[in-house]
């Protein structure tokens, strides 16, 4: 069985080709921040507040939301001192930057989108870690071996991806019935009703649930309650 290689695939509309690393990383790490803050004390007299605090081993916490996961591929190794295997063939590569520049391209702004590409990092089968969808937020290149003319032939890279989630898809994970909707530019209640109910004439249900005085004027970014149809 062929060794599964870690692959980085730029997502459409990027035209960059998938990148299969020369050597799999020896390790990777994923960090997931979660925000908790000390909850404000209840509105009691100072003496009552002090008494309450003395009865607790720690102050109560309030959940403040999740942060983006980061995937770090540490010491990603590139070596072209010998022919490298590409698509089942041994190929001579004269300069290791021909390989590492594929990673560098993931940090460059693309004309069509005005931003670097969103990527999917895959390694082995599906799991909680992979595939990981994100953008490169940090890249460190270290060249360690050179030809006599200074051409680098060996390098190690550390690549950090920050998780990229489509807001509506993420919302479906925590709100399976999609009971809320964030207003986007150009949307009307009829458009939203057509999207969530399949019937634009049901816009009044949304208007009433959100107590909208003027249904024709929607604030971009406002989160609307979408009531279930009885």
C-alpha atoms as a PDB file:
ATOM      1  CA  UNK A   1       0.000   0.000   0.000  1.00  0.00           C
ATOM      2  CA  UNK A   2       1.366   3.429  -0.985  1.00  0.00           C
ATOM      3  CA  UNK A   3       2.169   5.851   1.830  1.00  0.00           C
ATOM      4  CA  UNK A   4      -0.588   8.447   2.218  1.00  0.00           C
ATOM      5  CA  UNK A   5       0.886  11.906   1.732  1.00  0.00           C
ATOM      6  CA  UNK A   6      -0.402  15.042   3.402  1.00  0.00           C
ATOM      7  CA  UNK A   7      -2.095  17.117   0.712  1.00  0.00           C
ATOM      8  CA  UNK A   8      -3.021  20.809   0.670  1.00  0.00           C
ATOM      9  CA  UNK A   9      -5.779  21.614  -1.810  1.00  0.00           C
ATOM     10  CA  UNK A  10      -6.631  25.265  -2.612  1.00  0.00           C
ATOM     11  CA  UNK A  11     -10.396  25.635  -2.864  1.00  0.00           C
ATOM     12  CA  UNK A  12     -12.337  27.119  -5.769  1.00  0.00           C
ATOM     13  CA  UNK A  13     -12.224  29.756  -7.220  1.00  0.00           C
ATOM     14  CA  UNK A  14      -8.451  29.430  -6.765  1.00  0.00           C
ATOM     15  CA  UNK A  15      -6.710  27.896  -9.778  1.00  0.00           C
ATOM     16  CA  UNK A  16      -3.696  26.671  -7.782  1.00  0.00           C
ATOM     17  CA  UNK A  17      -3.070  22.943  -7.999  1.00  0.00           C
ATOM     18  CA  UNK A  18      -3.126  20.579  -5.003  1.00  0.00           C
ATOM     19  CA  UNK A  19       0.190  20.290  -3.168  1.00  0.00           C
ATOM     20  CA  UNK A  20       1.415  16.873  -2.077  1.00  0.00           C
ATOM     21  CA  UNK A  21       4.277  17.241   0.404  1.00  0.00           C
ATOM     22  CA  UNK A  22       7.563  15.476  -0.295  1.00  0.00           C
ATOM     23  CA  UNK A  23       7.789  14.110   3.254  1.00  0.00           C
ATOM     24  CA  UNK A  24       4.992  13.824   5.784  1.00  0.00           C
ATOM     25  CA  UNK A  25       5.419  15.943   8.931  1.00  0.00           C
ATOM     26  CA  UNK A  26       6.825  14.258  12.031  1.00  0.00           C
ATOM     27  CA  UNK A  27       4.213  16.037  14.113  1.00  0.00           C
ATOM     28  CA  UNK A  28       1.381  18.515  13.951  1.00  0.00           C
ATOM     29  CA  UNK A  29      -0.568  20.418  16.571  1.00  0.00           C
ATOM     30  CA  UNK A  30      -4.088  21.818  16.707  1.00  0.00           C
ATOM     31  CA  UNK A  31      -5.008  24.575  19.157  1.00  0.00           C
ATOM     32  CA  UNK A  32      -8.636  25.434  19.926  1.00  0.00           C
ATOM     33  CA  UNK A  33      -9.231  28.528  22.103  1.00  0.00           C
ATOM     34  CA  UNK A  34     -12.463  28.801  24.059  1.00  0.00           C
ATOM     35  CA  UNK A  35     -13.367  32.063  25.806  1.00  0.00           C
ATOM     36  CA  UNK A  36     -14.695  32.065  29.342  1.00  0.00           C
ATOM     37  CA  UNK A  37     -14.837  35.160  31.548  1.00  0.00           C
ATOM     38  CA  UNK A  38     -15.672  35.807  35.166  1.00  0.00           C
ATOM     39  CA  UNK A  39     -19.388  36.408  35.427  1.00  0.00           C
ATOM     40  CA  UNK A  40     -20.427  39.689  37.058  1.00  0.00           C
ATOM     41  CA  UNK A  41     -21.544  39.194  40.658  1.00  0.00           C
ATOM     42  CA  UNK A  42     -25.269  39.311  41.448  1.00  0.00           C
ATOM     43  CA  UNK A  43     -26.701  42.630  42.536  1.00  0.00           C
ATOM     44  CA  UNK A  44     -26.551  42.280  46.315  1.00  0.00           C
ATOM     45  CA  UNK A  45     -25.162  44.391  49.103  1.00  0.00           C
ATOM     46  CA  UNK A  46     -21.339  44.353  49.488  1.00  0.00           C
ATOM     47  CA  UNK A  47     -21.568  42.185  52.595  1.00  0.00           C
ATOM     48  CA  UNK A  48     -23.785  39.624  50.819  1.00  0.00           C
ATOM     49  CA  UNK A  49     -21.436  39.570  47.795  1.00  0.00           C
ATOM     50  CA  UNK A  50     -18.415  38.954  50.036  1.00  0.00           C
ATOM     51  CA  UNK A  51     -20.278  36.169  51.831  1.00  0.00           C
ATOM     52  CA  UNK A  52     -21.193  34.539  48.509  1.00  0.00           C
ATOM     53  CA  UNK A  53     -17.578  34.716  47.275  1.00  0.00           C
ATOM     54  CA  UNK A  54     -16.315  33.076  50.468  1.00  0.00           C
ATOM     55  CA  UNK A  55     -18.575  30.089  49.811  1.00  0.00           C
ATOM     56  CA  UNK A  56     -17.097  29.496  46.343  1.00  0.00           C
ATOM     57  CA  UNK A  57     -13.780  27.864  45.421  1.00  0.00           C
ATOM     58  CA  UNK A  58     -13.717  29.978  42.245  1.00  0.00           C
ATOM     59  CA  UNK A  59     -15.875  32.702  40.741  1.00  0.00           C
ATOM     60  CA  UNK A  60     -18.632  31.646  38.306  1.00  0.00           C
ATOM     61  CA  UNK A  61     -17.706  31.734  34.637  1.00  0.00           C
ATOM     62  CA  UNK A  62     -19.646  32.947  31.618  1.00  0.00           C
ATOM     63  CA  UNK A  63     -19.102  31.424  28.170  1.00  0.00           C
ATOM     64  CA  UNK A  64     -17.910  34.035  25.674  1.00  0.00           C
ATOM     65  CA  UNK A  65     -17.717  31.991  22.467  1.00  0.00           C
ATOM     66  CA  UNK A  66     -15.310  29.754  20.640  1.00  0.00           C
ATOM     67  CA  UNK A  67     -12.179  30.862  18.815  1.00  0.00           C
ATOM     68  CA  UNK A  68     -10.719  29.634  15.537  1.00  0.00           C
ATOM     69  CA  UNK A  69      -8.692  26.437  15.621  1.00  0.00           C
ATOM     70  CA  UNK A  70      -5.114  26.661  14.366  1.00  0.00           C
ATOM     71  CA  UNK A  71      -3.278  23.798  12.694  1.00  0.00           C
ATOM     72  CA  UNK A  72       0.527  23.934  12.852  1.00  0.00           C
ATOM     73  CA  UNK A  73       2.585  21.728  10.547  1.00  0.00           C
ATOM     74  CA  UNK A  74       5.936  21.870  12.294  1.00  0.00           C
ATOM     75  CA  UNK A  75       9.247  21.189  10.555  1.00  0.00           C
ATOM     76  CA  UNK A  76       7.741  20.260   7.184  1.00  0.00           C
ATOM     77  CA  UNK A  77      10.766  18.765   5.414  1.00  0.00           C
ATOM     78  CA  UNK A  78      11.800  19.395   1.783  1.00  0.00           C
ATOM     79  CA  UNK A  79      14.915  17.794   0.320  1.00  0.00           C
ATOM     80  CA  UNK A  80      15.887  17.602  -3.368  1.00  0.00           C
ATOM     81  CA  UNK A  81      19.467  16.365  -2.979  1.00  0.00           C
ATOM     82  CA  UNK A  82      18.208  13.144  -4.574  1.00  0.00           C
ATOM     83  CA  UNK A  83      15.473  12.663  -7.211  1.00  0.00           C
ATOM     84  CA  UNK A  84      12.046  12.950  -5.598  1.00  0.00           C
ATOM     85  CA  UNK A  85       8.974  10.854  -6.250  1.00  0.00           C
ATOM     86  CA  UNK A  86       6.143  12.632  -8.042  1.00  0.00           C
ATOM     87  CA  UNK A  87       3.076  10.752  -9.254  1.00  0.00           C
ATOM     88  CA  UNK A  88       4.958   7.452  -9.197  1.00  0.00           C
ATOM     89  CA  UNK A  89       8.041   8.768 -11.031  1.00  0.00           C
ATOM     90  CA  UNK A  90      11.488   9.830  -9.803  1.00  0.00           C
ATOM     91  CA  UNK A  91      12.134  13.433 -10.842  1.00  0.00           C
ATOM     92  CA  UNK A  92      15.256  15.592 -10.431  1.00  0.00           C
ATOM     93  CA  UNK A  93      14.505  18.983  -8.890  1.00  0.00           C
ATOM     94  CA  UNK A  94      17.446  21.458  -9.138  1.00  0.00           C
ATOM     95  CA  UNK A  95      16.197  23.974  -6.540  1.00  0.00           C
ATOM     96  CA  UNK A  96      14.155  23.194  -3.425  1.00  0.00           C
ATOM     97  CA  UNK A  97      12.304  26.496  -3.829  1.00  0.00           C
ATOM     98  CA  UNK A  98      10.421  24.959  -6.747  1.00  0.00           C
ATOM     99  CA  UNK A  99       8.708  22.877  -4.075  1.00  0.00           C
ATOM    100  CA  UNK A 100       8.479  25.379  -1.230  1.00  0.00           C
ATOM    101  CA  UNK A 101       7.181  28.174  -3.499  1.00  0.00           C
ATOM    102  CA  UNK A 102       3.974  26.175  -3.851  1.00  0.00           C
ATOM    103  CA  UNK A 103       3.400  26.802  -0.133  1.00  0.00           C
ATOM    104  CA  UNK A 104       4.426  30.451  -0.487  1.00  0.00           C
ATOM    105  CA  UNK A 105       1.739  30.869  -3.167  1.00  0.00           C
ATOM    106  CA  UNK A 106      -0.872  30.092  -0.509  1.00  0.00           C
ATOM    107  CA  UNK A 107       0.037  33.386   1.205  1.00  0.00           C
ATOM    108  CA  UNK A 108      -0.334  35.532  -1.935  1.00  0.00           C
ATOM    109  CA  UNK A 109      -3.387  37.598  -2.852  1.00  0.00           C
ATOM    110  CA  UNK A 110      -5.261  36.160  -5.821  1.00  0.00           C
ATOM    111  CA  UNK A 111      -6.692  38.658  -8.364  1.00  0.00           C
ATOM    112  CA  UNK A 112     -10.140  37.045  -8.591  1.00  0.00           C
ATOM    113  CA  UNK A 113     -10.849  37.116  -4.860  1.00  0.00           C
ATOM    114  CA  UNK A 114      -8.573  39.826  -3.496  1.00  0.00           C
ATOM    115  CA  UNK A 115      -7.270  37.440  -0.828  1.00  0.00           C
ATOM    116  CA  UNK A 116      -5.091  34.325  -0.479  1.00  0.00           C
ATOM    117  CA  UNK A 117      -6.860  31.023  -1.138  1.00  0.00           C
ATOM    118  CA  UNK A 118      -8.839  28.992   1.358  1.00  0.00           C
ATOM    119  CA  UNK A 119      -7.289  25.534   1.603  1.00  0.00           C
ATOM    120  CA  UNK A 120      -8.242  22.049   2.672  1.00  0.00           C
ATOM    121  CA  UNK A 121      -5.519  20.051   4.403  1.00  0.00           C
ATOM    122  CA  UNK A 122      -6.040  16.286   4.135  1.00  0.00           C
ATOM    123  CA  UNK A 123      -4.073  13.406   5.591  1.00  0.00           C
ATOM    124  CA  UNK A 124      -5.426   9.892   5.788  1.00  0.00           C
ATOM    125  CA  UNK A 125      -9.148   9.339   6.259  1.00  0.00           C
ATOM    126  CA  UNK A 126     -11.717  11.692   7.714  1.00  0.00           C
ATOM    127  CA  UNK A 127     -11.307  12.451  11.407  1.00  0.00           C
ATOM    128  CA  UNK A 128     -11.852  15.244  13.917  1.00  0.00           C
ATOM    129  CA  UNK A 129      -8.568  16.783  12.674  1.00  0.00           C
ATOM    130  CA  UNK A 130      -8.698  16.197   8.925  1.00  0.00           C
ATOM    131  CA  UNK A 131      -9.723  17.454   6.508  1.00  0.00           C
ATOM    132  CA  UNK A 132      -8.925  20.852   8.008  1.00  0.00           C
ATOM    133  CA  UNK A 133     -10.222  23.888   6.123  1.00  0.00           C
ATOM    134  CA  UNK A 134      -8.303  27.089   6.722  1.00  0.00           C
ATOM    135  CA  UNK A 135      -6.034  29.832   5.486  1.00  0.00           C
ATOM    136  CA  UNK A 136      -2.278  30.223   5.936  1.00  0.00           C
ATOM    137  CA  UNK A 137      -1.707  32.818   8.660  1.00  0.00           C
ATOM    138  CA  UNK A 138       1.987  32.222   9.296  1.00  0.00           C
ATOM    139  CA  UNK A 139       4.814  30.737   7.240  1.00  0.00           C
ATOM    140  CA  UNK A 140       8.426  30.267   8.287  1.00  0.00           C
ATOM    141  CA  UNK A 141      10.998  28.964   5.793  1.00  0.00           C
ATOM    142  CA  UNK A 142      14.440  27.762   6.866  1.00  0.00           C
ATOM    143  CA  UNK A 143      16.945  26.763   4.166  1.00  0.00           C
ATOM    144  CA  UNK A 144      19.649  24.469   5.531  1.00  0.00           C
ATOM    145  CA  UNK A 145      21.694  23.021   2.642  1.00  0.00           C
ATOM    146  CA  UNK A 146      23.033  24.668  -0.511  1.00  0.00           C
ATOM    147  CA  UNK A 147      24.888  23.883  -3.723  1.00  0.00           C
ATOM    148  CA  UNK A 148      28.253  25.516  -4.359  1.00  0.00           C
ATOM    149  CA  UNK A 149      26.532  28.362  -6.235  1.00  0.00           C
ATOM    150  CA  UNK A 150      24.183  29.066  -3.306  1.00  0.00           C
ATOM    151  CA  UNK A 151      21.101  27.296  -4.686  1.00  0.00           C
ATOM    152  CA  UNK A 152      19.169  25.811  -1.739  1.00  0.00           C
ATOM    153  CA  UNK A 153      18.400  22.100  -1.916  1.00  0.00           C
ATOM    154  CA  UNK A 154      17.025  21.445   1.578  1.00  0.00           C
ATOM    155  CA  UNK A 155      14.507  23.348   3.667  1.00  0.00           C
ATOM    156  CA  UNK A 156      12.155  23.007   6.605  1.00  0.00           C
ATOM    157  CA  UNK A 157       8.910  24.952   6.788  1.00  0.00           C
ATOM    158  CA  UNK A 158       6.557  25.680   9.642  1.00  0.00           C
ATOM    159  CA  UNK A 159       3.071  26.422   8.328  1.00  0.00           C
ATOM    160  CA  UNK A 160       0.189  27.676  10.454  1.00  0.00           C
ATOM    161  CA  UNK A 161      -3.384  27.402   9.167  1.00  0.00           C
ATOM    162  CA  UNK A 162      -6.238  29.212  10.877  1.00  0.00           C
ATOM    163  CA  UNK A 163      -9.615  27.529  10.568  1.00  0.00           C
ATOM    164  CA  UNK A 164     -12.039  29.018   8.055  1.00  0.00           C
ATOM    165  CA  UNK A 165     -15.720  28.354   8.663  1.00  0.00           C
ATOM    166  CA  UNK A 166     -18.600  29.441   6.464  1.00  0.00           C
ATOM    167  CA  UNK A 167     -20.838  31.257   8.993  1.00  0.00           C
ATOM    168  CA  UNK A 168     -24.113  29.753   7.786  1.00  0.00           C
ATOM    169  CA  UNK A 169     -22.696  26.227   7.707  1.00  0.00           C
ATOM    170  CA  UNK A 170     -21.274  26.724  11.195  1.00  0.00           C
ATOM    171  CA  UNK A 171     -24.625  28.018  12.417  1.00  0.00           C
ATOM    172  CA  UNK A 172     -26.333  24.871  11.154  1.00  0.00           C
ATOM    173  CA  UNK A 173     -24.089  22.861  13.494  1.00  0.00           C
ATOM    174  CA  UNK A 174     -25.327  24.714  16.582  1.00  0.00           C
ATOM    175  CA  UNK A 175     -28.778  25.570  15.226  1.00  0.00           C
ATOM    176  CA  UNK A 176     -29.864  22.506  13.187  1.00  0.00           C
ATOM    177  CA  UNK A 177     -33.294  23.938  12.415  1.00  0.00           C
ATOM    178  CA  UNK A 178     -31.680  27.181  11.250  1.00  0.00           C
ATOM    179  CA  UNK A 179     -33.912  29.261  13.521  1.00  0.00           C
ATOM    180  CA  UNK A 180     -31.864  32.409  12.927  1.00  0.00           C
ATOM    181  CA  UNK A 181     -30.653  34.230   9.828  1.00  0.00           C
ATOM    182  CA  UNK A 182     -28.062  36.996   9.425  1.00  0.00           C
ATOM    183  CA  UNK A 183     -29.141  39.656   6.938  1.00  0.00           C
ATOM    184  CA  UNK A 184     -26.830  40.089   3.949  1.00  0.00           C
ATOM    185  CA  UNK A 185     -26.580  42.971   1.530  1.00  0.00           C
ATOM    186  CA  UNK A 186     -29.428  43.058  -0.986  1.00  0.00           C
ATOM    187  CA  UNK A 187     -31.687  40.703   0.951  1.00  0.00           C
ATOM    188  CA  UNK A 188     -35.381  41.384   1.559  1.00  0.00           C
ATOM    189  CA  UNK A 189     -37.818  39.542   3.773  1.00  0.00           C
ATOM    190  CA  UNK A 190     -39.340  37.961   0.665  1.00  0.00           C
ATOM    191  CA  UNK A 191     -35.931  36.625  -0.401  1.00  0.00           C
ATOM    192  CA  UNK A 192     -35.267  35.271   3.097  1.00  0.00           C
ATOM    193  CA  UNK A 193     -38.725  33.673   3.288  1.00  0.00           C
ATOM    194  CA  UNK A 194     -38.166  32.018  -0.077  1.00  0.00           C
ATOM    195  CA  UNK A 195     -34.827  30.668   1.139  1.00  0.00           C
ATOM    196  CA  UNK A 196     -35.952  29.299   4.518  1.00  0.00           C
ATOM    197  CA  UNK A 197     -39.584  28.433   3.808  1.00  0.00           C
ATOM    198  CA  UNK A 198     -39.568  27.996   0.043  1.00  0.00           C
ATOM    199  CA  UNK A 199     -42.345  30.593  -0.214  1.00  0.00           C
ATOM    200  CA  UNK A 200     -41.623  34.343  -0.518  1.00  0.00           C
ATOM    201  CA  UNK A 201     -45.202  35.244   0.488  1.00  0.00           C
ATOM    202  CA  UNK A 202     -44.506  34.070   4.065  1.00  0.00           C
ATOM    203  CA  UNK A 203     -42.336  37.122   4.811  1.00  0.00           C
ATOM    204  CA  UNK A 204     -44.936  38.484   7.260  1.00  0.00           C
ATOM    205  CA  UNK A 205     -44.203  35.616   9.669  1.00  0.00           C
ATOM    206  CA  UNK A 206     -40.587  36.759   9.918  1.00  0.00           C
ATOM    207  CA  UNK A 207     -41.595  40.422  10.170  1.00  0.00           C
ATOM    208  CA  UNK A 208     -43.973  39.740  13.059  1.00  0.00           C
ATOM    209  CA  UNK A 209     -41.507  37.522  14.930  1.00  0.00           C
ATOM    210  CA  UNK A 210     -38.873  40.266  14.802  1.00  0.00           C
ATOM    211  CA  UNK A 211     -41.269  43.212  15.337  1.00  0.00           C
ATOM    212  CA  UNK A 212     -40.058  44.949  12.209  1.00  0.00           C
ATOM    213  CA  UNK A 213     -41.655  48.374  11.720  1.00  0.00           C
ATOM    214  CA  UNK A 214     -40.490  48.645   8.122  1.00  0.00           C
ATOM    215  CA  UNK A 215     -39.958  45.196   6.554  1.00  0.00           C
ATOM    216  CA  UNK A 216     -38.469  46.792   3.442  1.00  0.00           C
ATOM    217  CA  UNK A 217     -35.505  48.212   5.365  1.00  0.00           C
ATOM    218  CA  UNK A 218     -33.278  45.511   6.815  1.00  0.00           C
ATOM    219  CA  UNK A 219     -30.080  46.268   8.679  1.00  0.00           C
ATOM    220  CA  UNK A 220     -27.144  44.368   7.180  1.00  0.00           C
ATOM    221  CA  UNK A 221     -25.686  41.999   9.774  1.00  0.00           C
ATOM    222  CA  UNK A 222     -28.832  41.855  11.897  1.00  0.00           C
ATOM    223  CA  UNK A 223     -29.702  38.372  13.160  1.00  0.00           C
ATOM    224  CA  UNK A 224     -33.358  37.594  12.559  1.00  0.00           C
ATOM    225  CA  UNK A 225     -35.412  34.991  14.359  1.00  0.00           C
ATOM    226  CA  UNK A 226     -36.922  32.505  11.914  1.00  0.00           C
ATOM    227  CA  UNK A 227     -39.948  30.878  13.558  1.00  0.00           C
ATOM    228  CA  UNK A 228     -40.874  27.334  12.674  1.00  0.00           C
ATOM    229  CA  UNK A 229     -43.997  26.920  10.574  1.00  0.00           C
ATOM    230  CA  UNK A 230     -46.870  25.388  12.480  1.00  0.00           C
END
